[in-house]
N, C-alpha and C. Protein backbone atom coordinates (compact mmCIF):
# COMPACT_ATOMS: atom_id res chain seq x y z
N MET A 1 22.67 -76.66 -24.04
CA MET A 1 23.82 -76.71 -24.70
C MET A 1 23.10 -76.99 -26.51
N LYS A 2 21.72 -77.43 -26.44
CA LYS A 2 21.08 -77.88 -27.38
C LYS A 2 20.94 -76.29 -28.50
N LYS A 3 20.47 -75.11 -27.55
CA LYS A 3 20.59 -73.94 -27.99
C LYS A 3 21.87 -73.37 -28.46
N ALA A 4 22.87 -73.35 -27.65
CA ALA A 4 24.10 -73.04 -28.19
C ALA A 4 24.39 -73.55 -29.36
N LEU A 5 24.49 -75.08 -29.53
CA LEU A 5 24.76 -75.60 -30.88
C LEU A 5 24.31 -75.17 -31.91
N GLN A 6 22.96 -75.13 -31.89
CA GLN A 6 22.11 -74.29 -33.11
C GLN A 6 22.74 -72.97 -33.58
N TYR A 7 23.26 -72.18 -32.48
CA TYR A 7 24.31 -71.11 -32.74
C TYR A 7 25.32 -70.95 -33.51
N LEU A 8 26.15 -72.18 -32.81
CA LEU A 8 27.47 -72.40 -33.42
C LEU A 8 27.30 -73.02 -34.72
N ASN A 9 26.53 -74.06 -34.90
CA ASN A 9 26.51 -74.31 -36.34
C ASN A 9 25.80 -73.31 -37.36
N TYR A 10 25.45 -72.36 -36.84
CA TYR A 10 24.55 -71.19 -37.91
C TYR A 10 25.70 -70.60 -38.09
N LEU A 11 26.52 -69.94 -37.25
CA LEU A 11 28.09 -69.14 -37.49
C LEU A 11 28.75 -70.16 -38.24
N GLN A 12 28.88 -71.46 -38.26
CA GLN A 12 29.83 -72.13 -39.23
C GLN A 12 29.19 -72.43 -40.73
N LYS A 13 28.08 -72.72 -40.78
CA LYS A 13 27.55 -72.91 -42.05
C LYS A 13 26.83 -72.06 -42.77
N GLU A 14 26.00 -70.77 -42.16
CA GLU A 14 25.36 -69.98 -42.76
C GLU A 14 26.38 -68.65 -42.84
N ILE A 15 26.96 -68.31 -41.93
CA ILE A 15 27.55 -67.05 -42.15
C ILE A 15 28.81 -67.09 -42.41
N HIS A 16 29.43 -68.41 -41.60
CA HIS A 16 31.12 -68.78 -42.09
C HIS A 16 32.14 -67.70 -41.89
N SER A 17 32.02 -66.64 -42.51
CA SER A 17 32.77 -65.50 -42.35
C SER A 17 32.71 -64.43 -41.30
N VAL A 18 34.00 -64.18 -40.50
CA VAL A 18 33.40 -63.46 -39.21
C VAL A 18 34.82 -62.57 -39.17
N ALA A 19 34.25 -61.62 -38.42
CA ALA A 19 35.37 -60.42 -37.86
C ALA A 19 35.92 -60.95 -36.53
N ILE A 20 36.81 -61.18 -36.23
CA ILE A 20 37.31 -61.51 -35.07
C ILE A 20 38.57 -60.44 -34.52
N ALA A 21 38.32 -60.25 -33.11
CA ALA A 21 39.37 -59.03 -32.54
C ALA A 21 40.12 -59.84 -31.56
N SER A 22 41.40 -59.53 -31.16
CA SER A 22 42.23 -60.12 -30.60
C SER A 22 43.07 -59.06 -30.00
N ILE A 23 43.73 -59.20 -29.03
CA ILE A 23 44.56 -58.49 -28.24
C ILE A 23 46.40 -58.54 -28.83
N ASP A 24 46.92 -57.03 -29.03
CA ASP A 24 48.14 -57.07 -29.28
C ASP A 24 49.07 -57.12 -28.18
N LYS A 25 50.42 -56.96 -28.14
CA LYS A 25 51.28 -56.84 -27.34
C LYS A 25 51.01 -55.57 -26.55
N GLU A 26 50.70 -54.67 -26.94
CA GLU A 26 50.29 -53.13 -26.34
C GLU A 26 49.09 -52.97 -25.56
N GLY A 27 48.23 -54.37 -25.76
CA GLY A 27 47.15 -54.56 -25.06
C GLY A 27 45.87 -53.81 -26.02
N HIS A 28 46.19 -53.34 -27.23
CA HIS A 28 45.13 -53.13 -28.10
C HIS A 28 44.51 -54.17 -29.11
N PRO A 29 43.06 -53.78 -29.08
CA PRO A 29 42.35 -54.94 -29.88
C PRO A 29 42.93 -54.68 -31.52
N VAL A 30 42.87 -55.80 -32.24
CA VAL A 30 43.29 -55.53 -33.68
C VAL A 30 42.09 -56.74 -34.01
N THR A 31 41.74 -56.52 -35.22
CA THR A 31 40.73 -57.27 -36.00
C THR A 31 41.09 -57.88 -37.35
N CYS A 32 40.57 -59.13 -37.51
CA CYS A 32 40.94 -59.59 -38.91
C CYS A 32 39.40 -60.19 -39.17
N VAL A 33 39.51 -61.01 -40.12
CA VAL A 33 38.44 -61.83 -40.94
C VAL A 33 39.10 -63.25 -40.68
N ILE A 34 38.15 -64.04 -40.46
CA ILE A 34 38.68 -65.48 -40.36
C ILE A 34 37.25 -66.22 -40.67
N ASP A 35 37.55 -67.61 -41.15
CA ASP A 35 36.45 -68.50 -41.58
C ASP A 35 36.36 -69.61 -40.46
N ILE A 36 35.24 -69.74 -39.87
CA ILE A 36 34.58 -70.81 -38.89
C ILE A 36 34.65 -72.05 -39.83
N MET A 37 35.30 -72.83 -39.51
CA MET A 37 35.52 -74.27 -40.17
C MET A 37 34.71 -75.44 -39.70
N LEU A 38 34.53 -75.76 -38.31
CA LEU A 38 33.78 -76.34 -38.12
C LEU A 38 33.26 -76.31 -36.58
N ALA A 39 31.83 -76.80 -36.41
CA ALA A 39 31.31 -76.27 -34.99
C ALA A 39 30.78 -77.72 -34.68
N ASP A 40 30.70 -77.84 -33.51
CA ASP A 40 30.21 -79.31 -32.65
C ASP A 40 29.86 -78.69 -31.46
N GLU A 41 29.38 -79.66 -30.47
CA GLU A 41 29.05 -79.15 -29.03
C GLU A 41 30.05 -78.94 -28.30
N LYS A 42 31.19 -79.10 -28.82
CA LYS A 42 32.52 -78.98 -27.97
C LYS A 42 33.14 -77.23 -28.16
N GLY A 43 32.88 -76.62 -29.26
CA GLY A 43 32.75 -75.24 -29.54
C GLY A 43 32.98 -75.08 -31.14
N LEU A 44 33.72 -74.03 -31.38
CA LEU A 44 34.16 -73.86 -32.91
C LEU A 44 35.63 -74.18 -33.15
N TYR A 45 36.10 -73.96 -34.36
CA TYR A 45 37.07 -73.99 -35.01
C TYR A 45 37.63 -73.65 -36.13
N PHE A 46 38.88 -72.83 -35.95
CA PHE A 46 39.13 -72.06 -37.02
C PHE A 46 40.70 -72.68 -37.29
N LEU A 47 41.48 -72.18 -38.48
CA LEU A 47 42.77 -72.12 -38.34
C LEU A 47 43.48 -71.11 -38.92
N THR A 48 45.05 -71.10 -38.88
CA THR A 48 45.60 -70.13 -39.02
C THR A 48 46.93 -70.51 -39.56
N ALA A 49 47.81 -69.61 -39.94
CA ALA A 49 49.24 -70.17 -40.16
C ALA A 49 50.37 -69.43 -39.02
N LYS A 50 51.20 -70.24 -38.78
CA LYS A 50 51.80 -69.98 -37.39
C LYS A 50 52.83 -68.50 -37.67
N GLY A 51 52.85 -68.18 -39.01
CA GLY A 51 53.54 -67.07 -39.33
C GLY A 51 52.88 -65.46 -38.92
N LYS A 52 51.66 -66.16 -38.96
CA LYS A 52 50.86 -64.37 -39.20
C LYS A 52 51.00 -63.97 -37.55
N SER A 53 50.62 -62.42 -37.77
CA SER A 53 50.61 -61.86 -36.33
C SER A 53 49.30 -62.58 -35.38
N PHE A 54 48.16 -62.79 -36.46
CA PHE A 54 47.07 -63.05 -35.53
C PHE A 54 47.35 -64.53 -34.86
N TYR A 55 48.16 -65.31 -35.27
CA TYR A 55 48.92 -66.49 -34.23
C TYR A 55 49.25 -66.23 -33.28
N GLU A 56 50.35 -64.95 -33.46
CA GLU A 56 50.99 -64.51 -32.33
C GLU A 56 50.58 -63.90 -31.33
N ARG A 57 49.30 -63.07 -32.06
CA ARG A 57 48.30 -62.45 -30.71
C ARG A 57 47.21 -63.84 -29.85
N ILE A 58 47.08 -64.42 -30.47
CA ILE A 58 46.02 -65.63 -29.63
C ILE A 58 47.02 -66.59 -29.12
N ARG A 59 48.10 -66.88 -29.22
CA ARG A 59 49.17 -67.41 -28.43
C ARG A 59 49.32 -66.62 -27.40
N GLN A 60 49.57 -65.47 -27.01
CA GLN A 60 49.89 -64.74 -26.11
C GLN A 60 48.58 -63.99 -24.92
N ASN A 61 47.59 -64.38 -25.87
CA ASN A 61 46.29 -63.79 -25.00
C ASN A 61 45.08 -64.80 -25.73
N GLU A 62 44.60 -65.34 -24.84
CA GLU A 62 43.53 -66.51 -25.31
C GLU A 62 42.11 -65.86 -25.36
N ASN A 63 41.90 -64.71 -25.04
CA ASN A 63 40.64 -63.97 -25.30
C ASN A 63 40.25 -63.14 -26.39
N ILE A 64 39.21 -63.67 -27.19
CA ILE A 64 38.65 -63.28 -28.41
C ILE A 64 37.45 -62.89 -27.96
N ALA A 65 37.08 -62.12 -29.24
CA ALA A 65 35.51 -61.53 -29.40
C ALA A 65 35.29 -61.61 -31.14
N LEU A 66 34.14 -62.04 -31.64
CA LEU A 66 33.76 -62.19 -32.90
C LEU A 66 32.52 -62.01 -33.43
N THR A 67 32.38 -61.45 -34.34
CA THR A 67 30.93 -60.95 -34.82
C THR A 67 30.93 -61.65 -36.18
N GLY A 68 29.63 -62.20 -36.34
CA GLY A 68 29.26 -62.55 -37.86
C GLY A 68 27.95 -62.13 -38.56
N LEU A 69 27.77 -61.55 -39.75
CA LEU A 69 26.26 -60.96 -40.04
C LEU A 69 26.19 -61.67 -41.32
N LYS A 70 24.41 -61.64 -41.56
CA LYS A 70 24.42 -62.45 -42.87
C LYS A 70 23.02 -61.38 -43.25
N GLY A 71 22.69 -60.95 -44.28
CA GLY A 71 21.88 -60.40 -44.71
C GLY A 71 22.15 -59.80 -46.08
N LYS A 72 20.94 -59.31 -47.26
CA LYS A 72 21.25 -58.70 -48.19
C LYS A 72 21.37 -57.05 -47.61
N ASP A 73 20.86 -56.72 -46.49
CA ASP A 73 20.69 -55.50 -46.21
C ASP A 73 20.43 -55.31 -44.70
N THR A 74 20.51 -54.12 -43.94
CA THR A 74 19.85 -54.00 -42.76
C THR A 74 19.02 -54.57 -41.95
N MET A 75 17.99 -54.43 -42.75
CA MET A 75 16.73 -54.82 -42.12
C MET A 75 16.20 -56.25 -42.50
N SER A 76 17.48 -57.11 -43.46
CA SER A 76 17.27 -58.29 -43.39
C SER A 76 18.31 -59.19 -42.64
N SER A 77 19.11 -58.15 -41.84
CA SER A 77 20.18 -58.80 -41.52
C SER A 77 19.83 -59.81 -39.49
N GLN A 78 20.86 -60.78 -39.64
CA GLN A 78 20.83 -61.90 -38.52
C GLN A 78 22.50 -61.72 -38.24
N SER A 79 22.64 -61.39 -37.22
CA SER A 79 24.01 -61.60 -36.28
C SER A 79 24.47 -62.10 -35.39
N ILE A 80 25.49 -62.60 -35.00
CA ILE A 80 25.59 -63.55 -33.82
C ILE A 80 27.36 -62.82 -33.29
N ASN A 81 27.11 -62.39 -32.03
CA ASN A 81 28.21 -61.71 -31.33
C ASN A 81 28.60 -62.65 -30.31
N LEU A 82 29.98 -62.66 -30.05
CA LEU A 82 30.39 -63.91 -29.57
C LEU A 82 31.73 -63.70 -28.72
N LYS A 83 31.97 -63.97 -27.36
CA LYS A 83 33.00 -63.62 -26.76
C LYS A 83 34.07 -64.99 -25.83
N GLY A 84 34.66 -65.29 -26.00
CA GLY A 84 35.33 -66.43 -25.69
C GLY A 84 36.93 -66.68 -25.47
N ARG A 85 37.06 -68.13 -25.34
CA ARG A 85 38.55 -68.55 -25.06
C ARG A 85 39.09 -69.17 -26.37
N VAL A 86 40.03 -69.08 -26.69
CA VAL A 86 40.61 -70.19 -27.32
C VAL A 86 41.75 -70.94 -27.16
N HIS A 87 42.11 -72.27 -27.70
CA HIS A 87 43.18 -72.85 -27.37
C HIS A 87 43.91 -73.60 -28.98
N GLU A 88 44.96 -73.86 -28.71
CA GLU A 88 45.49 -74.42 -30.09
C GLU A 88 45.72 -75.82 -30.10
N ILE A 89 44.81 -76.54 -30.78
CA ILE A 89 44.79 -77.99 -30.96
C ILE A 89 45.92 -78.40 -31.97
N GLY A 90 46.57 -77.64 -32.46
CA GLY A 90 47.80 -78.29 -33.63
C GLY A 90 47.14 -78.76 -34.73
N SER A 91 47.61 -80.01 -35.05
CA SER A 91 47.04 -80.32 -36.48
C SER A 91 45.68 -81.38 -36.49
N GLU A 92 45.38 -81.53 -35.20
CA GLU A 92 44.21 -82.36 -35.10
C GLU A 92 43.18 -81.51 -35.46
N ARG A 93 42.38 -82.39 -36.37
CA ARG A 93 41.19 -82.11 -37.27
C ARG A 93 41.30 -81.17 -38.54
N LEU A 94 42.79 -80.99 -38.85
CA LEU A 94 43.09 -80.45 -39.77
C LEU A 94 42.74 -81.16 -41.34
N ASN A 95 42.74 -82.36 -41.41
CA ASN A 95 42.30 -83.24 -42.39
C ASN A 95 40.51 -83.14 -42.73
N GLU A 96 40.12 -82.94 -41.60
CA GLU A 96 38.65 -82.85 -41.76
C GLU A 96 38.53 -81.32 -42.12
N ILE A 97 38.91 -80.45 -41.79
CA ILE A 97 38.45 -78.99 -42.08
C ILE A 97 38.81 -79.12 -43.37
N PHE A 98 39.94 -79.53 -44.09
CA PHE A 98 40.20 -79.56 -45.67
C PHE A 98 39.02 -80.33 -46.00
N ALA A 99 38.69 -81.74 -45.81
CA ALA A 99 37.75 -82.00 -46.23
C ALA A 99 36.11 -81.34 -46.59
N ARG A 100 36.15 -80.84 -45.02
CA ARG A 100 34.89 -80.43 -45.26
C ARG A 100 34.75 -78.65 -45.84
N ASN A 101 35.69 -78.27 -46.08
CA ASN A 101 35.91 -77.15 -47.02
C ASN A 101 37.12 -76.76 -47.94
N PRO A 102 36.35 -77.51 -48.81
CA PRO A 102 37.47 -78.16 -50.06
C PRO A 102 38.27 -76.83 -50.73
N TYR A 103 37.43 -75.26 -50.45
CA TYR A 103 38.06 -74.45 -51.10
C TYR A 103 39.47 -74.15 -50.68
N MET A 104 39.72 -74.91 -49.21
CA MET A 104 41.22 -74.34 -48.57
C MET A 104 42.03 -75.09 -49.53
N ALA A 105 42.04 -76.42 -50.44
CA ALA A 105 42.98 -76.71 -51.00
C ALA A 105 43.33 -75.82 -52.46
N GLU A 106 42.71 -75.01 -52.29
CA GLU A 106 43.23 -73.94 -53.39
C GLU A 106 43.90 -73.00 -52.92
N ILE A 107 43.91 -72.58 -51.73
CA ILE A 107 44.77 -71.71 -50.85
C ILE A 107 46.09 -72.45 -50.78
N TYR A 108 45.95 -73.69 -49.99
CA TYR A 108 47.12 -74.41 -49.95
C TYR A 108 47.29 -75.73 -50.31
N PRO A 109 47.37 -75.69 -51.73
CA PRO A 109 47.40 -76.94 -52.43
C PRO A 109 48.29 -78.18 -52.27
N GLN A 110 49.47 -78.04 -52.09
CA GLN A 110 50.36 -78.95 -51.58
C GLN A 110 50.09 -79.23 -50.08
N GLU A 111 50.42 -80.76 -50.23
CA GLU A 111 50.30 -80.95 -48.99
C GLU A 111 51.36 -80.51 -47.95
N GLN A 112 52.53 -80.57 -48.47
CA GLN A 112 53.67 -79.85 -47.54
C GLN A 112 53.05 -78.42 -47.24
N SER A 113 52.78 -77.80 -47.75
CA SER A 113 52.52 -76.16 -47.59
C SER A 113 51.66 -76.25 -46.04
N ARG A 114 50.77 -77.55 -46.04
CA ARG A 114 50.07 -76.95 -44.87
C ARG A 114 50.56 -77.35 -43.50
N SER A 115 51.69 -77.60 -43.56
CA SER A 115 52.36 -77.76 -42.35
C SER A 115 52.20 -76.76 -41.55
N VAL A 116 52.35 -75.55 -42.26
CA VAL A 116 52.16 -74.24 -41.45
C VAL A 116 50.86 -73.84 -40.67
N LEU A 117 50.09 -74.79 -41.06
CA LEU A 117 48.82 -74.29 -40.31
C LEU A 117 48.52 -74.94 -39.10
N THR A 118 47.48 -74.00 -38.19
CA THR A 118 47.48 -74.71 -36.94
C THR A 118 46.05 -74.55 -36.50
N VAL A 119 45.48 -75.28 -35.90
CA VAL A 119 43.64 -75.23 -35.83
C VAL A 119 44.11 -74.68 -34.38
N PHE A 120 42.56 -74.13 -33.98
CA PHE A 120 42.23 -73.34 -32.80
C PHE A 120 41.03 -73.67 -32.60
N GLN A 121 40.72 -73.88 -31.17
CA GLN A 121 39.32 -74.38 -30.79
C GLN A 121 39.04 -73.43 -29.80
N ILE A 122 37.63 -72.89 -29.90
CA ILE A 122 36.97 -71.82 -29.21
C ILE A 122 36.19 -72.66 -28.24
N ASP A 123 36.75 -73.08 -27.21
CA ASP A 123 36.05 -73.97 -26.29
C ASP A 123 35.22 -73.64 -25.11
N GLN A 124 35.32 -72.17 -24.69
CA GLN A 124 34.50 -71.47 -23.74
C GLN A 124 33.94 -70.29 -24.54
N GLY A 125 32.90 -69.75 -24.17
CA GLY A 125 32.18 -68.62 -24.80
C GLY A 125 30.70 -68.38 -24.41
N GLU A 126 30.39 -67.21 -24.81
CA GLU A 126 28.95 -66.51 -24.49
C GLU A 126 28.51 -65.54 -25.76
N GLY A 127 27.43 -65.39 -26.03
CA GLY A 127 27.34 -64.63 -27.08
C GLY A 127 25.87 -64.52 -27.39
N GLU A 128 25.44 -63.98 -28.41
CA GLU A 128 23.93 -63.20 -28.56
C GLU A 128 23.62 -63.28 -29.98
N PHE A 129 22.44 -64.00 -30.32
CA PHE A 129 21.98 -63.89 -31.62
C PHE A 129 21.07 -62.57 -31.77
N PHE A 130 21.22 -61.40 -32.96
CA PHE A 130 20.15 -60.88 -33.14
C PHE A 130 19.96 -60.64 -34.43
N ASP A 131 18.54 -60.70 -34.65
CA ASP A 131 17.50 -60.77 -35.80
C ASP A 131 16.71 -59.59 -36.21
N LEU A 132 17.13 -58.75 -36.90
CA LEU A 132 16.40 -57.28 -37.52
C LEU A 132 15.65 -57.90 -38.58
N SER A 133 15.28 -59.13 -39.04
CA SER A 133 14.84 -59.00 -40.06
C SER A 133 13.12 -59.53 -39.59
N LYS A 134 13.20 -59.89 -38.10
CA LYS A 134 11.72 -60.13 -37.37
C LYS A 134 11.12 -58.69 -36.90
N ARG A 135 9.79 -58.66 -36.84
CA ARG A 135 9.11 -57.44 -36.22
C ARG A 135 8.47 -58.28 -35.19
N PRO A 136 8.37 -57.78 -34.01
CA PRO A 136 9.55 -57.05 -33.22
C PRO A 136 10.80 -57.94 -33.49
N VAL A 137 12.00 -57.06 -33.32
CA VAL A 137 13.26 -57.61 -33.49
C VAL A 137 13.50 -58.51 -32.40
N PHE A 138 14.38 -59.83 -32.40
CA PHE A 138 14.28 -60.95 -31.72
C PHE A 138 15.85 -61.46 -31.24
N ARG A 139 16.29 -61.45 -30.31
CA ARG A 139 17.68 -61.84 -29.78
C ARG A 139 17.30 -62.56 -28.67
N GLU A 140 18.58 -63.51 -28.39
CA GLU A 140 18.75 -64.42 -27.74
C GLU A 140 20.21 -65.09 -27.18
N SER A 141 20.34 -65.10 -26.07
CA SER A 141 21.72 -65.30 -25.24
C SER A 141 21.95 -66.81 -25.31
N PHE A 142 23.20 -66.91 -25.43
CA PHE A 142 23.63 -68.45 -25.32
C PHE A 142 24.92 -68.51 -24.73
N SER A 143 25.38 -69.66 -24.23
CA SER A 143 26.64 -70.15 -23.72
C SER A 143 27.15 -71.55 -23.96
N PHE A 144 28.33 -71.72 -24.01
CA PHE A 144 28.75 -73.35 -24.04
C PHE A 144 30.12 -73.62 -22.96
N GLY A 145 30.65 -74.60 -23.00
CA GLY A 145 32.07 -74.89 -22.40
C GLY A 145 31.93 -74.51 -21.12
N GLY A 146 30.43 -74.77 -20.17
CA GLY A 146 30.51 -74.19 -18.95
C GLY A 146 30.39 -72.67 -18.47
N VAL A 147 30.57 -71.97 -19.51
CA VAL A 147 30.09 -70.63 -19.16
C VAL A 147 28.65 -70.29 -18.72
N GLN A 148 28.61 -69.50 -17.51
CA GLN A 148 27.01 -69.09 -17.38
C GLN A 148 26.70 -67.86 -18.43
N THR A 149 25.56 -67.89 -18.60
CA THR A 149 25.04 -66.59 -19.85
C THR A 149 24.68 -65.82 -18.87
N GLU A 150 25.25 -64.46 -18.92
CA GLU A 150 25.12 -63.43 -18.04
C GLU A 150 24.89 -61.88 -18.96
N THR A 151 23.69 -61.60 -19.02
CA THR A 151 23.57 -60.50 -19.90
C THR A 151 22.79 -59.38 -19.20
N SER A 152 22.76 -58.09 -19.91
CA SER A 152 22.42 -57.06 -18.98
C SER A 152 21.17 -56.56 -19.99
N GLY A 153 20.10 -56.07 -19.20
CA GLY A 153 19.10 -55.01 -19.96
C GLY A 153 18.19 -54.26 -19.21
N TYR A 154 17.35 -53.92 -19.79
CA TYR A 154 16.28 -52.88 -19.03
C TYR A 154 15.10 -53.61 -18.21
N VAL A 155 15.17 -53.14 -16.94
CA VAL A 155 13.93 -54.04 -16.44
C VAL A 155 13.05 -52.97 -15.54
N ILE A 156 12.11 -53.14 -15.32
CA ILE A 156 11.21 -52.34 -14.69
C ILE A 156 10.76 -52.56 -13.32
N SER A 157 11.03 -51.88 -12.34
CA SER A 157 11.03 -52.10 -10.93
C SER A 157 9.51 -51.77 -10.37
N SER A 158 9.58 -52.34 -8.90
CA SER A 158 8.19 -52.15 -8.21
C SER A 158 7.82 -50.41 -8.16
N GLN A 159 8.74 -49.86 -8.44
CA GLN A 159 8.10 -48.24 -8.39
C GLN A 159 7.25 -47.67 -9.57
N CYS A 160 7.09 -48.83 -10.53
CA CYS A 160 6.21 -48.57 -11.43
C CYS A 160 4.81 -48.32 -11.06
N THR A 161 3.98 -47.09 -11.88
CA THR A 161 3.09 -46.60 -11.22
C THR A 161 1.83 -47.12 -12.38
N GLY A 162 2.22 -47.89 -13.42
CA GLY A 162 1.26 -47.95 -14.50
C GLY A 162 1.06 -46.88 -15.53
N CYS A 163 1.74 -45.76 -15.30
CA CYS A 163 1.56 -44.50 -16.04
C CYS A 163 1.76 -44.59 -17.90
N ARG A 164 2.40 -45.58 -18.40
CA ARG A 164 2.22 -46.20 -19.87
C ARG A 164 3.33 -45.29 -20.50
N ARG A 165 4.17 -44.35 -19.80
CA ARG A 165 4.94 -43.76 -20.68
C ARG A 165 5.81 -44.42 -21.62
N CYS A 166 6.51 -45.51 -20.58
CA CYS A 166 7.93 -46.34 -21.02
C CYS A 166 7.28 -47.21 -22.55
N ALA A 167 5.81 -47.61 -22.28
CA ALA A 167 4.98 -48.09 -23.48
C ALA A 167 5.12 -47.41 -24.87
N GLU A 168 4.75 -46.18 -24.44
CA GLU A 168 4.41 -45.12 -25.43
C GLU A 168 5.55 -44.80 -26.10
N VAL A 169 6.72 -44.80 -25.77
CA VAL A 169 7.86 -44.50 -26.78
C VAL A 169 8.74 -45.71 -26.78
N CYS A 170 8.23 -46.69 -26.79
CA CYS A 170 9.13 -48.02 -26.95
C CYS A 170 9.02 -48.08 -28.59
N PRO A 171 10.11 -48.36 -29.34
CA PRO A 171 10.28 -48.30 -30.88
C PRO A 171 9.91 -49.51 -31.29
N GLN A 172 9.74 -50.82 -30.16
CA GLN A 172 9.59 -52.70 -30.58
C GLN A 172 8.03 -52.49 -30.15
N ASP A 173 7.39 -51.90 -29.34
CA ASP A 173 6.09 -52.23 -28.43
C ASP A 173 6.30 -53.60 -27.76
N CYS A 174 7.43 -53.61 -26.85
CA CYS A 174 7.93 -54.79 -26.56
C CYS A 174 7.37 -54.59 -24.85
N ILE A 175 6.78 -53.76 -24.36
CA ILE A 175 6.57 -53.55 -22.85
C ILE A 175 5.23 -54.06 -22.52
N ASP A 176 4.99 -55.31 -21.85
CA ASP A 176 3.78 -55.72 -21.51
C ASP A 176 3.24 -55.20 -19.88
N LEU A 177 1.82 -54.18 -20.56
CA LEU A 177 1.46 -53.54 -19.39
C LEU A 177 0.26 -54.63 -18.95
N SER A 178 0.31 -55.55 -18.88
CA SER A 178 -0.78 -56.21 -18.15
C SER A 178 -0.43 -56.79 -16.52
N SER A 179 0.40 -56.53 -16.25
CA SER A 179 0.85 -56.89 -15.04
C SER A 179 1.27 -55.49 -14.41
N MET A 180 1.84 -55.28 -13.21
CA MET A 180 2.28 -54.46 -12.39
C MET A 180 3.25 -55.04 -11.35
N PRO A 181 4.47 -54.73 -11.83
CA PRO A 181 5.05 -53.40 -12.46
C PRO A 181 4.94 -54.09 -13.99
N ALA A 182 4.97 -53.30 -15.00
CA ALA A 182 5.19 -53.46 -16.30
C ALA A 182 6.43 -54.51 -16.64
N VAL A 183 6.34 -55.23 -17.84
CA VAL A 183 7.50 -56.04 -17.94
C VAL A 183 7.88 -55.91 -19.26
N ILE A 184 9.05 -55.71 -19.55
CA ILE A 184 9.82 -55.76 -20.81
C ILE A 184 10.12 -56.97 -21.25
N GLN A 185 9.63 -57.09 -22.37
CA GLN A 185 10.08 -58.60 -22.88
C GLN A 185 11.59 -58.65 -23.60
N GLN A 186 12.35 -59.01 -22.79
CA GLN A 186 13.92 -59.07 -23.29
C GLN A 186 14.00 -59.32 -24.55
N GLU A 187 13.17 -60.53 -24.97
CA GLU A 187 13.83 -61.03 -26.40
C GLU A 187 13.58 -60.10 -27.53
N HIS A 188 12.57 -59.12 -27.49
CA HIS A 188 12.36 -58.20 -28.41
C HIS A 188 13.03 -56.68 -28.29
N CYS A 189 13.66 -56.63 -26.95
CA CYS A 189 14.30 -55.29 -26.78
C CYS A 189 15.38 -54.44 -27.32
N LEU A 190 15.29 -53.48 -27.96
CA LEU A 190 16.62 -53.03 -28.80
C LEU A 190 17.75 -52.50 -27.58
N HIS A 191 17.32 -52.57 -26.58
CA HIS A 191 18.62 -51.66 -25.64
C HIS A 191 18.55 -50.53 -25.40
N CYS A 192 17.89 -50.08 -26.31
CA CYS A 192 17.74 -48.36 -26.67
C CYS A 192 17.73 -47.37 -25.50
N GLY A 193 17.20 -47.60 -24.16
CA GLY A 193 17.19 -47.14 -23.44
C GLY A 193 15.94 -45.87 -23.28
N ARG A 194 15.23 -45.67 -24.43
CA ARG A 194 14.41 -44.72 -24.09
C ARG A 194 13.47 -44.77 -22.94
N CYS A 195 12.84 -45.96 -22.86
CA CYS A 195 11.94 -46.63 -21.55
C CYS A 195 12.40 -45.77 -20.19
N MET A 196 13.80 -46.03 -20.24
CA MET A 196 14.33 -45.34 -18.57
C MET A 196 14.48 -43.74 -19.02
N GLU A 197 14.37 -43.49 -20.14
CA GLU A 197 14.52 -41.67 -20.45
C GLU A 197 13.22 -41.36 -19.60
N ALA A 198 12.22 -41.87 -20.38
CA ALA A 198 10.55 -41.57 -20.30
C ALA A 198 10.14 -41.61 -18.75
N CYS A 199 10.63 -42.72 -18.35
CA CYS A 199 9.91 -42.52 -16.54
C CYS A 199 10.35 -41.68 -15.65
N MET A 200 9.38 -41.07 -15.09
CA MET A 200 9.14 -39.89 -14.42
C MET A 200 9.66 -40.59 -12.81
N PHE A 201 9.56 -41.73 -12.58
CA PHE A 201 9.06 -42.45 -11.40
C PHE A 201 10.72 -43.09 -11.27
N ASN A 202 11.59 -43.14 -12.02
CA ASN A 202 12.99 -43.86 -11.98
C ASN A 202 12.44 -45.72 -11.78
N ALA A 203 11.31 -45.91 -12.37
CA ALA A 203 11.06 -47.31 -12.26
C ALA A 203 11.85 -48.13 -13.42
N VAL A 204 12.42 -47.44 -14.44
CA VAL A 204 13.19 -48.51 -15.07
C VAL A 204 14.80 -48.52 -14.77
N GLU A 205 15.31 -49.39 -14.93
CA GLU A 205 16.77 -49.94 -14.39
C GLU A 205 17.64 -50.56 -15.53
N LYS A 206 18.81 -50.36 -15.59
CA LYS A 206 19.73 -51.14 -16.47
C LYS A 206 20.52 -51.77 -15.41
N ARG A 207 20.28 -53.44 -15.94
CA ARG A 207 20.94 -54.40 -14.80
C ARG A 207 21.07 -55.66 -15.15
N LYS A 208 22.35 -56.52 -14.68
CA LYS A 208 22.29 -57.77 -15.28
C LYS A 208 21.37 -58.55 -15.28
N ILE A 209 20.93 -59.70 -15.77
CA ILE A 209 19.64 -60.25 -16.01
C ILE A 209 20.41 -61.65 -16.15
N GLN A 210 20.38 -62.53 -14.96
CA GLN A 210 20.51 -64.40 -15.60
C GLN A 210 19.41 -64.90 -16.47
């Protein structure tokens, strides 16, 4: 949970504003931008007004996905993608949200106006941190709320002959040839699939990785 909390806090404190996708009545994805107001070991917290279409969408379908991005340009960017489950906790923690996010008082200055607001918690989820500012790139998966982390990636099987073709075309030089079969360093892989295209022995597979 320590790793997950690190990334949840990063979302809330460093990125804060994220694009979130929810599902409408016709089953179509719809995106909007929200602010992550709080983060703790139990998940992420945001609020919305009950009159908004976003409120209706997440009330009828608890499944969401979000993306947060930080960086002055692409090559300095760090991002977090997350999918999970939300549930409404109402006015619980609303005062804490306003205390820790004082700009909200400029949007809803009167106490009476805040009665339209309701808090949601993302209490289960899995995500991935991706850092393009490092060489080679760095990625790491995490989960919280009892969800088991399950990712997919490229893996080299026992059919590997050590021909080195995969390493020669890898844009991040993340294939370790010191063992047989060769090993793709998952934390640095771009998931571009070039290694699988280059392998003449069908030794590279894309599959789920626990």
